[in-house]
Amino acid sequence: NFGNSCGRTISIGTDESSRFYWKFDSDSESLFVSNRKGDMDNDMHRYSNPESIASVIKSLGKQPMANVLKNAFPQSAELLSNGMWSNLLQKRKFRHLFEGDGSEKDD
């Protein structure tokens, strides 16, 4: 159903936990992960930036799906290769520490 509305109906693969991975033509920069919880219950997650996609790939370890995703998302593969994915995630999480004039305030 979701695949029909996004322009692609076949997943690019599954992992060892039976999660389905999708890359839709209508949003080709994003990775979608479907986690089937039951017969009719599907939980879809969207990862829209290269560092988030890299973290998904990293979490797969040596599973074959990791290589499929590296091929499908070369920018994320590059972030894994040079180690920048974790720096970018940390900067996003702690953005308030990296913004401003660089001086620290005393309490």
PDB file of N, CA and C in Angstrom:
ATOM      1  N   ASN A   1       0.825  -1.194   0.000  1.00  0.00           N
ATOM      2  CA  ASN A   1       0.000   0.000   0.000  1.00  0.00           C
ATOM      3  C   ASN A   1       0.872   1.263   0.000  1.00  0.00           C
ATOM      4  N   PHE A   2       1.793   1.353   0.967  1.00  0.00           N
ATOM      5  CA  PHE A   2       2.697   2.500   1.045  1.00  0.00           C
ATOM      6  C   PHE A   2       3.578   2.556  -0.196  1.00  0.00           C
ATOM      7  N   GLY A   3       4.052   1.419  -0.634  1.00  0.00           N
ATOM      8  CA  GLY A   3       4.896   1.354  -1.822  1.00  0.00           C
ATOM      9  C   GLY A   3       4.183   1.836  -3.065  1.00  0.00           C
ATOM     10  N   ASN A   4       2.916   1.523  -3.201  1.00  0.00           N
ATOM     11  CA  ASN A   4       2.149   1.971  -4.369  1.00  0.00           C
ATOM     12  C   ASN A   4       2.070   3.483  -4.435  1.00  0.00           C
ATOM     13  N   SER A   5       1.904   4.147  -3.305  1.00  0.00           N
ATOM     14  CA  SER A   5       1.772   5.605  -3.306  1.00  0.00           C
ATOM     15  C   SER A   5       3.111   6.301  -3.506  1.00  0.00           C
ATOM     16  N   CYS A   6       4.218   5.600  -3.318  1.00  0.00           N
ATOM     17  CA  CYS A   6       5.550   6.200  -3.444  1.00  0.00           C
ATOM     18  C   CYS A   6       6.262   5.844  -4.735  1.00  0.00           C
ATOM     19  N   GLY A   7       5.664   5.056  -5.590  1.00  0.00           N
ATOM     20  CA  GLY A   7       6.245   4.797  -6.886  1.00  0.00           C
ATOM     21  C   GLY A   7       7.058   3.524  -7.002  1.00  0.00           C
ATOM     22  N   ARG A   8       7.179   2.736  -5.962  1.00  0.00           N
ATOM     23  CA  ARG A   8       7.906   1.472  -6.037  1.00  0.00           C
ATOM     24  C   ARG A   8       7.245   0.492  -5.081  1.00  0.00           C
ATOM     25  N   THR A   9       7.084  -0.735  -5.498  1.00  0.00           N
ATOM     26  CA  THR A   9       6.377  -1.691  -4.655  1.00  0.00           C
ATOM     27  C   THR A   9       7.233  -2.873  -4.237  1.00  0.00           C
ATOM     28  N   ILE A  10       8.491  -2.933  -4.651  1.00  0.00           N
ATOM     29  CA  ILE A  10       9.371  -4.048  -4.298  1.00  0.00           C
ATOM     30  C   ILE A  10      10.470  -3.527  -3.371  1.00  0.00           C
ATOM     31  N   SER A  11      10.664  -4.187  -2.248  1.00  0.00           N
ATOM     32  CA  SER A  11      11.720  -3.759  -1.328  1.00  0.00           C
ATOM     33  C   SER A  11      13.092  -4.080  -1.917  1.00  0.00           C
ATOM     34  N   ILE A  12      14.136  -3.380  -1.415  1.00  0.00           N
ATOM     35  CA  ILE A  12      15.488  -3.672  -1.902  1.00  0.00           C
ATOM     36  C   ILE A  12      16.130  -4.804  -1.114  1.00  0.00           C
ATOM     37  N   GLY A  13      15.441  -5.289  -0.090  1.00  0.00           N
ATOM     38  CA  GLY A  13      15.954  -6.434   0.636  1.00  0.00           C
ATOM     39  C   GLY A  13      15.428  -6.523   2.055  1.00  0.00           C
ATOM     40  N   THR A  14      15.843  -7.599   2.728  1.00  0.00           N
ATOM     41  CA  THR A  14      15.483  -7.824   4.129  1.00  0.00           C
ATOM     42  C   THR A  14      16.739  -8.178   4.913  1.00  0.00           C
ATOM     43  N   ASP A  15      16.669  -7.984   6.220  1.00  0.00           N
ATOM     44  CA  ASP A  15      17.789  -8.371   7.068  1.00  0.00           C
ATOM     45  C   ASP A  15      17.438  -9.647   7.829  1.00  0.00           C
ATOM     46  N   GLU A  16      18.327 -10.050   8.715  1.00  0.00           N
ATOM     47  CA  GLU A  16      18.135 -11.295   9.463  1.00  0.00           C
ATOM     48  C   GLU A  16      17.011 -11.209  10.494  1.00  0.00           C
ATOM     49  N   SER A  17      16.535  -9.990  10.772  1.00  0.00           N
ATOM     50  CA  SER A  17      15.410  -9.802  11.694  1.00  0.00           C
ATOM     51  C   SER A  17      14.097  -9.614  10.948  1.00  0.00           C
ATOM     52  N   SER A  18      14.101  -9.914   9.652  1.00  0.00           N
ATOM     53  CA  SER A  18      12.929  -9.834   8.781  1.00  0.00           C
ATOM     54  C   SER A  18      12.397  -8.416   8.588  1.00  0.00           C
ATOM     55  N   ARG A  19      13.264  -7.416   8.746  1.00  0.00           N
ATOM     56  CA  ARG A  19      12.883  -6.037   8.408  1.00  0.00           C
ATOM     57  C   ARG A  19      13.076  -5.850   6.912  1.00  0.00           C
ATOM     58  N   PHE A  20      12.158  -5.118   6.283  1.00  0.00           N
ATOM     59  CA  PHE A  20      12.237  -4.814   4.863  1.00  0.00           C
ATOM     60  C   PHE A  20      12.819  -3.422   4.671  1.00  0.00           C
ATOM     61  N   TYR A  21      13.668  -3.267   3.664  1.00  0.00           N
ATOM     62  CA  TYR A  21      14.321  -1.993   3.356  1.00  0.00           C
ATOM     63  C   TYR A  21      13.845  -1.523   1.992  1.00  0.00           C
ATOM     64  N   TRP A  22      13.494  -0.220   1.928  1.00  0.00           N
ATOM     65  CA  TRP A  22      12.903   0.343   0.723  1.00  0.00           C
ATOM     66  C   TRP A  22      13.622   1.629   0.332  1.00  0.00           C
ATOM     67  N   LYS A  23      13.704   1.855  -0.968  1.00  0.00           N
ATOM     68  CA  LYS A  23      14.159   3.124  -1.525  1.00  0.00           C
ATOM     69  C   LYS A  23      13.168   3.473  -2.629  1.00  0.00           C
ATOM     70  N   PHE A  24      12.348   4.486  -2.366  1.00  0.00           N
ATOM     71  CA  PHE A  24      11.282   4.848  -3.290  1.00  0.00           C
ATOM     72  C   PHE A  24      11.751   5.898  -4.285  1.00  0.00           C
ATOM     73  N   ASP A  25      11.303   5.770  -5.511  1.00  0.00           N
ATOM     74  CA  ASP A  25      11.664   6.725  -6.560  1.00  0.00           C
ATOM     75  C   ASP A  25      11.229   8.141  -6.205  1.00  0.00           C
ATOM     76  N   SER A  26      10.114   8.287  -5.519  1.00  0.00           N
ATOM     77  CA  SER A  26       9.595   9.612  -5.191  1.00  0.00           C
ATOM     78  C   SER A  26      10.377  10.297  -4.067  1.00  0.00           C
ATOM     79  N   ASP A  27      11.203   9.550  -3.333  1.00  0.00           N
ATOM     80  CA  ASP A  27      12.027  10.106  -2.248  1.00  0.00           C
ATOM     81  C   ASP A  27      13.336   9.320  -2.214  1.00  0.00           C
ATOM     82  N   SER A  28      14.114   9.456  -3.275  1.00  0.00           N
ATOM     83  CA  SER A  28      15.278   8.593  -3.492  1.00  0.00           C
ATOM     84  C   SER A  28      16.436   8.849  -2.533  1.00  0.00           C
ATOM     85  N   GLU A  29      16.402   9.934  -1.771  1.00  0.00           N
ATOM     86  CA  GLU A  29      17.465  10.225  -0.803  1.00  0.00           C
ATOM     87  C   GLU A  29      17.188   9.590   0.554  1.00  0.00           C
ATOM     88  N   SER A  30      16.007   9.011   0.720  1.00  0.00           N
ATOM     89  CA  SER A  30      15.608   8.455   2.014  1.00  0.00           C
ATOM     90  C   SER A  30      15.594   6.929   1.986  1.00  0.00           C
ATOM     91  N   LEU A  31      15.857   6.365   3.148  1.00  0.00           N
ATOM     92  CA  LEU A  31      15.750   4.928   3.371  1.00  0.00           C
ATOM     93  C   LEU A  31      14.521   4.694   4.238  1.00  0.00           C
ATOM     94  N   PHE A  32      13.702   3.756   3.839  1.00  0.00           N
ATOM     95  CA  PHE A  32      12.530   3.374   4.615  1.00  0.00           C
ATOM     96  C   PHE A  32      12.745   1.952   5.115  1.00  0.00           C
ATOM     97  N   VAL A  33      12.426   1.732   6.386  1.00  0.00           N
ATOM     98  CA  VAL A  33      12.584   0.408   6.993  1.00  0.00           C
ATOM     99  C   VAL A  33      11.238   0.007   7.565  1.00  0.00           C
ATOM    100  N   SER A  34      10.780  -1.154   7.150  1.00  0.00           N
ATOM    101  CA  SER A  34       9.497  -1.675   7.591  1.00  0.00           C
ATOM    102  C   SER A  34       9.744  -2.830   8.550  1.00  0.00           C
ATOM    103  N   ASN A  35       9.161  -2.710   9.725  1.00  0.00           N
ATOM    104  CA  ASN A  35       9.312  -3.728  10.757  1.00  0.00           C
ATOM    105  C   ASN A  35       7.959  -4.383  10.981  1.00  0.00           C
ATOM    106  N   ARG A  36       7.801  -5.559  10.449  1.00  0.00           N
ATOM    107  CA  ARG A  36       6.518  -6.259  10.570  1.00  0.00           C
ATOM    108  C   ARG A  36       6.366  -6.806  11.990  1.00  0.00           C
ATOM    109  N   LYS A  37       5.285  -6.387  12.650  1.00  0.00           N
ATOM    110  CA  LYS A  37       5.036  -6.819  14.023  1.00  0.00           C
ATOM    111  C   LYS A  37       4.024  -7.960  14.095  1.00  0.00           C
ATOM    112  N   GLY A  38       3.207  -8.092  13.097  1.00  0.00           N
ATOM    113  CA  GLY A  38       2.194  -9.129  13.069  1.00  0.00           C
ATOM    114  C   GLY A  38       1.676  -9.285  11.655  1.00  0.00           C
ATOM    115  N   ASP A  39       0.587  -9.999  11.502  1.00  0.00           N
ATOM    116  CA  ASP A  39       0.043 -10.237  10.169  1.00  0.00           C
ATOM    117  C   ASP A  39      -0.329  -8.946   9.452  1.00  0.00           C
ATOM    118  N   MET A  40      -0.935  -8.029  10.135  1.00  0.00           N
ATOM    119  CA  MET A  40      -1.415  -6.804   9.499  1.00  0.00           C
ATOM    120  C   MET A  40      -0.742  -5.555  10.067  1.00  0.00           C
ATOM    121  N   ASP A  41       0.135  -5.702  11.016  1.00  0.00           N
ATOM    122  CA  ASP A  41       0.739  -4.556  11.706  1.00  0.00           C
ATOM    123  C   ASP A  41       2.138  -4.297  11.155  1.00  0.00           C
ATOM    124  N   ASN A  42       2.311  -3.168  10.484  1.00  0.00           N
ATOM    125  CA  ASN A  42       3.589  -2.787   9.899  1.00  0.00           C
ATOM    126  C   ASN A  42       4.018  -1.445  10.467  1.00  0.00           C
ATOM    127  N   ASP A  43       5.248  -1.345  10.864  1.00  0.00           N
ATOM    128  CA  ASP A  43       5.794  -0.108  11.418  1.00  0.00           C
ATOM    129  C   ASP A  43       6.857   0.386  10.445  1.00  0.00           C
ATOM    130  N   MET A  44       6.649   1.565   9.821  1.00  0.00           N
ATOM    131  CA  MET A  44       7.564   2.098   8.810  1.00  0.00           C
ATOM    132  C   MET A  44       8.365   3.254   9.400  1.00  0.00           C
ATOM    133  N   HIS A  45       9.681   3.201   9.223  1.00  0.00           N
ATOM    134  CA  HIS A  45      10.572   4.275   9.674  1.00  0.00           C
ATOM    135  C   HIS A  45      11.264   4.881   8.464  1.00  0.00           C
ATOM    136  N   ARG A  46      11.459   6.196   8.505  1.00  0.00           N
ATOM    137  CA  ARG A  46      12.117   6.912   7.411  1.00  0.00           C
ATOM    138  C   ARG A  46      13.407   7.541   7.920  1.00  0.00           C
ATOM    139  N   TYR A  47      14.491   7.322   7.194  1.00  0.00           N
ATOM    140  CA  TYR A  47      15.798   7.908   7.499  1.00  0.00           C
ATOM    141  C   TYR A  47      16.170   8.785   6.307  1.00  0.00           C
ATOM    142  N   SER A  48      16.287  10.096   6.544  1.00  0.00           N
ATOM    143  CA  SER A  48      16.378  11.031   5.422  1.00  0.00           C
ATOM    144  C   SER A  48      17.712  11.732   5.264  1.00  0.00           C
ATOM    145  N   ASN A  49      18.655  11.501   6.139  1.00  0.00           N
ATOM    146  CA  ASN A  49      19.960  12.129   5.933  1.00  0.00           C
ATOM    147  C   ASN A  49      21.040  11.053   5.942  1.00  0.00           C
ATOM    148  N   PRO A  50      22.151  11.318   5.269  1.00  0.00           N
ATOM    149  CA  PRO A  50      23.187  10.298   5.094  1.00  0.00           C
ATOM    150  C   PRO A  50      23.734   9.731   6.406  1.00  0.00           C
ATOM    151  N   GLU A  51      23.872  10.566   7.438  1.00  0.00           N
ATOM    152  CA  GLU A  51      24.417  10.051   8.699  1.00  0.00           C
ATOM    153  C   GLU A  51      23.444   9.109   9.403  1.00  0.00           C
ATOM    154  N   SER A  52      22.138   9.358   9.293  1.00  0.00           N
ATOM    155  CA  SER A  52      21.159   8.439   9.879  1.00  0.00           C
ATOM    156  C   SER A  52      21.132   7.121   9.122  1.00  0.00           C
ATOM    157  N   ILE A  53      21.208   7.201   7.806  1.00  0.00           N
ATOM    158  CA  ILE A  53      21.250   5.981   6.993  1.00  0.00           C
ATOM    159  C   ILE A  53      22.530   5.199   7.306  1.00  0.00           C
ATOM    160  N   ALA A  54      23.632   5.916   7.486  1.00  0.00           N
ATOM    161  CA  ALA A  54      24.894   5.253   7.843  1.00  0.00           C
ATOM    162  C   ALA A  54      24.769   4.516   9.170  1.00  0.00           C
ATOM    163  N   SER A  55      24.044   5.099  10.125  1.00  0.00           N
ATOM    164  CA  SER A  55      23.887   4.427  11.418  1.00  0.00           C
ATOM    165  C   SER A  55      23.059   3.147  11.286  1.00  0.00           C
ATOM    166  N   VAL A  56      22.084   3.150  10.381  1.00  0.00           N
ATOM    167  CA  VAL A  56      21.315   1.928  10.116  1.00  0.00           C
ATOM    168  C   VAL A  56      22.231   0.864   9.514  1.00  0.00           C
ATOM    169  N   ILE A  57      23.042   1.278   8.544  1.00  0.00           N
ATOM    170  CA  ILE A  57      23.977   0.340   7.908  1.00  0.00           C
ATOM    171  C   ILE A  57      24.945  -0.222   8.948  1.00  0.00           C
ATOM    172  N   LYS A  58      25.471   0.642   9.794  1.00  0.00           N
ATOM    173  CA  LYS A  58      26.413   0.220  10.840  1.00  0.00           C
ATOM    174  C   LYS A  58      25.773  -0.812  11.769  1.00  0.00           C
ATOM    175  N   SER A  59      24.494  -0.586  12.092  1.00  0.00           N
ATOM    176  CA  SER A  59      23.808  -1.503  13.013  1.00  0.00           C
ATOM    177  C   SER A  59      23.629  -2.903  12.426  1.00  0.00           C
ATOM    178  N   LEU A  60      23.704  -3.018  11.101  1.00  0.00           N
ATOM    179  CA  LEU A  60      23.552  -4.322  10.455  1.00  0.00           C
ATOM    180  C   LEU A  60      24.822  -5.168  10.519  1.00  0.00           C
ATOM    181  N   GLY A  61      25.929  -4.548  10.896  1.00  0.00           N
ATOM    182  CA  GLY A  61      27.179  -5.295  11.013  1.00  0.00           C
ATOM    183  C   GLY A  61      27.590  -5.917   9.695  1.00  0.00           C
ATOM    184  N   LYS A  62      27.836  -7.216   9.700  1.00  0.00           N
ATOM    185  CA  LYS A  62      28.312  -7.923   8.508  1.00  0.00           C
ATOM    186  C   LYS A  62      27.195  -8.629   7.738  1.00  0.00           C
ATOM    187  N   GLN A  63      25.948  -8.284   8.054  1.00  0.00           N
ATOM    188  CA  GLN A  63      24.835  -8.870   7.314  1.00  0.00           C
ATOM    189  C   GLN A  63      24.907  -8.438   5.841  1.00  0.00           C
ATOM    190  N   PRO A  64      24.501  -9.289   4.929  1.00  0.00           N
ATOM    191  CA  PRO A  64      24.529  -8.937   3.504  1.00  0.00           C
ATOM    192  C   PRO A  64      23.746  -7.660   3.175  1.00  0.00           C
ATOM    193  N   MET A  65      22.692  -7.377   3.946  1.00  0.00           N
ATOM    194  CA  MET A  65      21.887  -6.185   3.687  1.00  0.00           C
ATOM    195  C   MET A  65      22.712  -4.911   3.842  1.00  0.00           C
ATOM    196  N   ALA A  66      23.743  -4.936   4.667  1.00  0.00           N
ATOM    197  CA  ALA A  66      24.606  -3.759   4.853  1.00  0.00           C
ATOM    198  C   ALA A  66      25.271  -3.373   3.533  1.00  0.00           C
ATOM    199  N   ASN A  67      25.762  -4.348   2.795  1.00  0.00           N
ATOM    200  CA  ASN A  67      26.396  -4.059   1.502  1.00  0.00           C
ATOM    201  C   ASN A  67      25.401  -3.572   0.462  1.00  0.00           C
ATOM    202  N   VAL A  68      24.197  -4.120   0.493  1.00  0.00           N
ATOM    203  CA  VAL A  68      23.152  -3.663  -0.425  1.00  0.00           C
ATOM    204  C   VAL A  68      22.858  -2.179  -0.166  1.00  0.00           C
ATOM    205  N   LEU A  69      22.756  -1.803   1.108  1.00  0.00           N
ATOM    206  CA  LEU A  69      22.462  -0.410   1.452  1.00  0.00           C
ATOM    207  C   LEU A  69      23.636   0.506   1.127  1.00  0.00           C
ATOM    208  N   LYS A  70      24.864   0.025   1.299  1.00  0.00           N
ATOM    209  CA  LYS A  70      26.027   0.835   0.923  1.00  0.00           C
ATOM    210  C   LYS A  70      26.008   1.153  -0.566  1.00  0.00           C
ATOM    211  N   ASN A  71      25.610   0.186  -1.365  1.00  0.00           N
ATOM    212  CA  ASN A  71      25.513   0.407  -2.810  1.00  0.00           C
ATOM    213  C   ASN A  71      24.370   1.349  -3.165  1.00  0.00           C
ATOM    214  N   ALA A  72      23.273   1.243  -2.438  1.00  0.00           N
ATOM    215  CA  ALA A  72      22.102   2.072  -2.721  1.00  0.00           C
ATOM    216  C   ALA A  72      22.276   3.507  -2.225  1.00  0.00           C
ATOM    217  N   PHE A  73      23.120   3.701  -1.185  1.00  0.00           N
ATOM    218  CA  PHE A  73      23.323   5.018  -0.586  1.00  0.00           C
ATOM    219  C   PHE A  73      24.825   5.305  -0.472  1.00  0.00           C
ATOM    220  N   PRO A  74      25.476   5.643  -1.587  1.00  0.00           N
ATOM    221  CA  PRO A  74      26.930   5.824  -1.583  1.00  0.00           C
ATOM    222  C   PRO A  74      27.429   6.945  -0.667  1.00  0.00           C
ATOM    223  N   GLN A  75      26.631   7.992  -0.473  1.00  0.00           N
ATOM    224  CA  GLN A  75      27.056   9.070   0.421  1.00  0.00           C
ATOM    225  C   GLN A  75      27.138   8.562   1.862  1.00  0.00           C
ATOM    226  N   SER A  76      26.222   7.732   2.254  1.00  0.00           N
ATOM    227  CA  SER A  76      26.255   7.135   3.589  1.00  0.00           C
ATOM    228  C   SER A  76      27.428   6.171   3.720  1.00  0.00           C
ATOM    229  N   ALA A  77      27.707   5.420   2.665  1.00  0.00           N
ATOM    230  CA  ALA A  77      28.854   4.507   2.664  1.00  0.00           C
ATOM    231  C   ALA A  77      30.149   5.285   2.847  1.00  0.00           C
ATOM    232  N   GLU A  78      30.247   6.451   2.216  1.00  0.00           N
ATOM    233  CA  GLU A  78      31.440   7.292   2.370  1.00  0.00           C
ATOM    234  C   GLU A  78      31.585   7.783   3.805  1.00  0.00           C
ATOM    235  N   LEU A  79      30.475   8.164   4.432  1.00  0.00           N
ATOM    236  CA  LEU A  79      30.527   8.596   5.835  1.00  0.00           C
ATOM    237  C   LEU A  79      30.972   7.460   6.751  1.00  0.00           C
ATOM    238  N   LEU A  80      30.584   6.249   6.443  1.00  0.00           N
ATOM    239  CA  LEU A  80      31.051   5.092   7.217  1.00  0.00           C
ATOM    240  C   LEU A  80      32.541   4.871   7.000  1.00  0.00           C
ATOM    241  N   SER A  81      32.961   5.028   5.765  1.00  0.00           N
ATOM    242  CA  SER A  81      34.358   4.801   5.413  1.00  0.00           C
ATOM    243  C   SER A  81      35.300   5.778   6.114  1.00  0.00           C
ATOM    244  N   ASN A  82      34.893   7.046   6.170  1.00  0.00           N
ATOM    245  CA  ASN A  82      35.773   8.044   6.786  1.00  0.00           C
ATOM    246  C   ASN A  82      35.451   8.311   8.266  1.00  0.00           C
ATOM    247  N   GLY A  83      34.432   7.643   8.805  1.00  0.00           N
ATOM    248  CA  GLY A  83      34.101   7.765  10.227  1.00  0.00           C
ATOM    249  C   GLY A  83      33.334   9.019  10.605  1.00  0.00           C
ATOM    250  N   MET A  84      32.913   9.805   9.640  1.00  0.00           N
ATOM    251  CA  MET A  84      32.244  11.073   9.942  1.00  0.00           C
ATOM    252  C   MET A  84      30.784  10.924  10.340  1.00  0.00           C
ATOM    253  N   TRP A  85      30.174   9.778  10.098  1.00  0.00           N
ATOM    254  CA  TRP A  85      28.753   9.618  10.392  1.00  0.00           C
ATOM    255  C   TRP A  85      28.450   9.869  11.865  1.00  0.00           C
ATOM    256  N   SER A  86      29.293   9.366  12.763  1.00  0.00           N
ATOM    257  CA  SER A  86      29.014   9.538  14.194  1.00  0.00           C
ATOM    258  C   SER A  86      29.226  10.987  14.627  1.00  0.00           C
ATOM    259  N   ASN A  87      30.220  11.653  14.053  1.00  0.00           N
ATOM    260  CA  ASN A  87      30.427  13.073  14.368  1.00  0.00           C
ATOM    261  C   ASN A  87      29.220  13.903  13.962  1.00  0.00           C
ATOM    262  N   LEU A  88      28.690  13.627  12.783  1.00  0.00           N
ATOM    263  CA  LEU A  88      27.530  14.378  12.303  1.00  0.00           C
ATOM    264  C   LEU A  88      26.301  14.125  13.172  1.00  0.00           C
ATOM    265  N   LEU A  89      26.102  12.886  13.607  1.00  0.00           N
ATOM    266  CA  LEU A  89      24.976  12.589  14.496  1.00  0.00           C
ATOM    267  C   LEU A  89      25.131  13.296  15.836  1.00  0.00           C
ATOM    268  N   GLN A  90      26.343  13.296  16.379  1.00  0.00           N
ATOM    269  CA  GLN A  90      26.572  13.972  17.657  1.00  0.00           C
ATOM    270  C   GLN A  90      26.382  15.477  17.535  1.00  0.00           C
ATOM    271  N   LYS A  91      26.857  16.061  16.460  1.00  0.00           N
ATOM    272  CA  LYS A  91      26.674  17.495  16.259  1.00  0.00           C
ATOM    273  C   LYS A  91      25.200  17.848  16.142  1.00  0.00           C
ATOM    274  N   ARG A  92      24.437  16.968  15.506  1.00  0.00           N
ATOM    275  CA  ARG A  92      23.001  17.219  15.381  1.00  0.00           C
ATOM    276  C   ARG A  92      22.326  17.119  16.743  1.00  0.00           C
ATOM    277  N   LYS A  93      22.711  16.143  17.530  1.00  0.00           N
ATOM    278  CA  LYS A  93      22.108  15.943  18.857  1.00  0.00           C
ATOM    279  C   LYS A  93      22.476  17.076  19.805  1.00  0.00           C
ATOM    280  N   PHE A  94      23.712  17.528  19.726  1.00  0.00           N
ATOM    281  CA  PHE A  94      24.206  18.561  20.649  1.00  0.00           C
ATOM    282  C   PHE A  94      24.453  19.875  19.916  1.00  0.00           C
ATOM    283  N   ARG A  95      23.573  20.186  18.976  1.00  0.00           N
ATOM    284  CA  ARG A  95      23.708  21.379  18.149  1.00  0.00           C
ATOM    285  C   ARG A  95      23.881  22.643  18.994  1.00  0.00           C
ATOM    286  N   HIS A  96      23.160  22.713  20.098  1.00  0.00           N
ATOM    287  CA  HIS A  96      23.231  23.908  20.952  1.00  0.00           C
ATOM    288  C   HIS A  96      24.642  24.155  21.483  1.00  0.00           C
ATOM    289  N   LEU A  97      25.454  23.114  21.601  1.00  0.00           N
ATOM    290  CA  LEU A  97      26.826  23.285  22.071  1.00  0.00           C
ATOM    291  C   LEU A  97      27.756  23.801  20.985  1.00  0.00           C
ATOM    292  N   PHE A  98      27.375  23.562  19.723  1.00  0.00           N
ATOM    293  CA  PHE A  98      28.232  23.944  18.609  1.00  0.00           C
ATOM    294  C   PHE A  98      27.833  25.293  17.996  1.00  0.00           C
ATOM    295  N   GLU A  99      26.691  25.820  18.422  1.00  0.00           N
ATOM    296  CA  GLU A  99      26.229  27.106  17.910  1.00  0.00           C
ATOM    297  C   GLU A  99      26.579  28.209  18.890  1.00  0.00           C
ATOM    298  N   GLY A 100      26.524  29.432  18.460  1.00  0.00           N
ATOM    299  CA  GLY A 100      26.801  30.563  19.337  1.00  0.00           C
ATOM    300  C   GLY A 100      28.191  31.112  19.113  1.00  0.00           C
ATOM    301  N   ASP A 101      28.670  31.863  20.081  1.00  0.00           N
ATOM    302  CA  ASP A 101      29.947  32.564  19.906  1.00  0.00           C
ATOM    303  C   ASP A 101      31.151  31.767  20.382  1.00  0.00           C
ATOM    304  N   GLY A 102      30.909  30.567  20.910  1.00  0.00           N
ATOM    305  CA  GLY A 102      32.020  29.716  21.324  1.00  0.00           C
ATOM    306  C   GLY A 102      32.464  29.945  22.765  1.00  0.00           C
ATOM    307  N   SER A 103      31.951  30.961  23.423  1.00  0.00           N
ATOM    308  CA  SER A 103      32.338  31.194  24.818  1.00  0.00           C
ATOM    309  C   SER A 103      31.417  30.436  25.749  1.00  0.00           C
ATOM    310  N   GLU A 104      31.939  30.031  26.879  1.00  0.00           N
ATOM    311  CA  GLU A 104      31.117  29.330  27.856  1.00  0.00           C
ATOM    312  C   GLU A 104      30.617  30.305  28.891  1.00  0.00           C
ATOM    313  N   LYS A 105      29.429  30.032  29.389  1.00  0.00           N
ATOM    314  CA  LYS A 105      28.836  30.902  30.401  1.00  0.00           C
ATOM    315  C   LYS A 105      29.033  30.259  31.776  1.00  0.00           C
ATOM    316  N   ASP A 106      29.351  31.091  32.755  1.00  0.00           N
ATOM    317  CA  ASP A 106      29.475  30.615  34.136  1.00  0.00           C
ATOM    318  C   ASP A 106      28.101  30.657  34.787  1.00  0.00           C
ATOM    319  N   ASP A 107      27.849  29.690  35.664  1.00  0.00           N
ATOM    320  CA  ASP A 107      26.572  29.674  36.382  1.00  0.00           C
ATOM    321  C   ASP A 107      26.601  30.566  37.583  1.00  0.00           C
TER     322      ASP A 107
END
